[in-house]
Protein backbone atom coordinates (compact mmCIF):
# COMPACT_ATOMS: atom_id res chain seq x y z
CA UNK A 1 -0.08 -0.16 0.22
CA UNK A 2 1.40 3.32 -0.94
CA UNK A 3 1.31 5.84 1.95
CA UNK A 4 -0.24 9.47 1.99
CA UNK A 5 3.33 11.05 1.87
CA UNK A 6 4.45 9.39 -1.30
CA UNK A 7 0.95 10.22 -3.45
CA UNK A 8 1.50 14.06 -1.94
CA UNK A 9 5.27 14.31 -2.80
CA UNK A 10 4.34 12.51 -6.53
CA UNK A 11 1.28 15.36 -6.82
CA UNK A 12 3.90 18.15 -5.91
CA UNK A 13 6.61 16.84 -8.27
CA UNK A 14 3.74 16.85 -11.14
CA UNK A 15 2.38 20.53 -10.09
CA UNK A 16 5.94 21.82 -9.95
CA UNK A 17 6.94 19.99 -13.43
CA UNK A 18 4.02 21.60 -14.90
CA UNK A 19 4.63 24.92 -13.83
CA UNK A 20 7.87 25.13 -14.82
CA UNK A 21 7.08 23.97 -18.39
CA UNK A 22 4.35 26.65 -18.51
CA UNK A 23 6.52 29.32 -17.41
CA UNK A 24 9.63 28.10 -19.93
CA UNK A 25 6.95 27.94 -22.63
CA UNK A 26 5.79 31.82 -21.82
CA UNK A 27 9.52 33.22 -21.27
CA UNK A 28 10.26 32.10 -24.66
CA UNK A 29 7.50 33.80 -26.25
CA UNK A 30 8.06 37.29 -24.69
CA UNK A 31 11.59 36.78 -25.60
CA UNK A 32 10.68 35.94 -29.23
CA UNK A 33 8.20 38.86 -29.33
CA UNK A 34 10.61 41.40 -27.94
CA UNK A 35 13.58 39.96 -30.22
CA UNK A 36 11.29 39.86 -33.34
CA UNK A 37 8.08 42.33 -32.27
CA UNK A 38 7.05 45.63 -33.70
CA UNK A 39 10.07 47.23 -31.37
CA UNK A 40 12.66 45.37 -32.83
CA UNK A 41 14.86 46.50 -35.27
CA UNK A 42 14.71 45.64 -39.20
CA UNK A 43 17.53 43.52 -39.33
CA UNK A 44 16.51 41.67 -36.15
CA UNK A 45 13.02 41.04 -37.68
CA UNK A 46 14.57 39.97 -40.69
CA UNK A 47 17.17 37.43 -39.24
CA UNK A 48 17.02 33.69 -39.49
CA UNK A 49 15.92 33.40 -35.81
CA UNK A 50 12.50 35.49 -36.75
CA UNK A 51 11.42 33.83 -39.65
């Protein structure tokens, strides 16, 4: 039988992993928008990273 602490620990690991994945995705999109968005220089917008 699995103890309650093991179940709670597993749920916390899953929750923290999900939060980390969400914030990483959001951070990448923000960095992409800053580097390739409307306020970036024209040469940055035409770079291979922004295509």
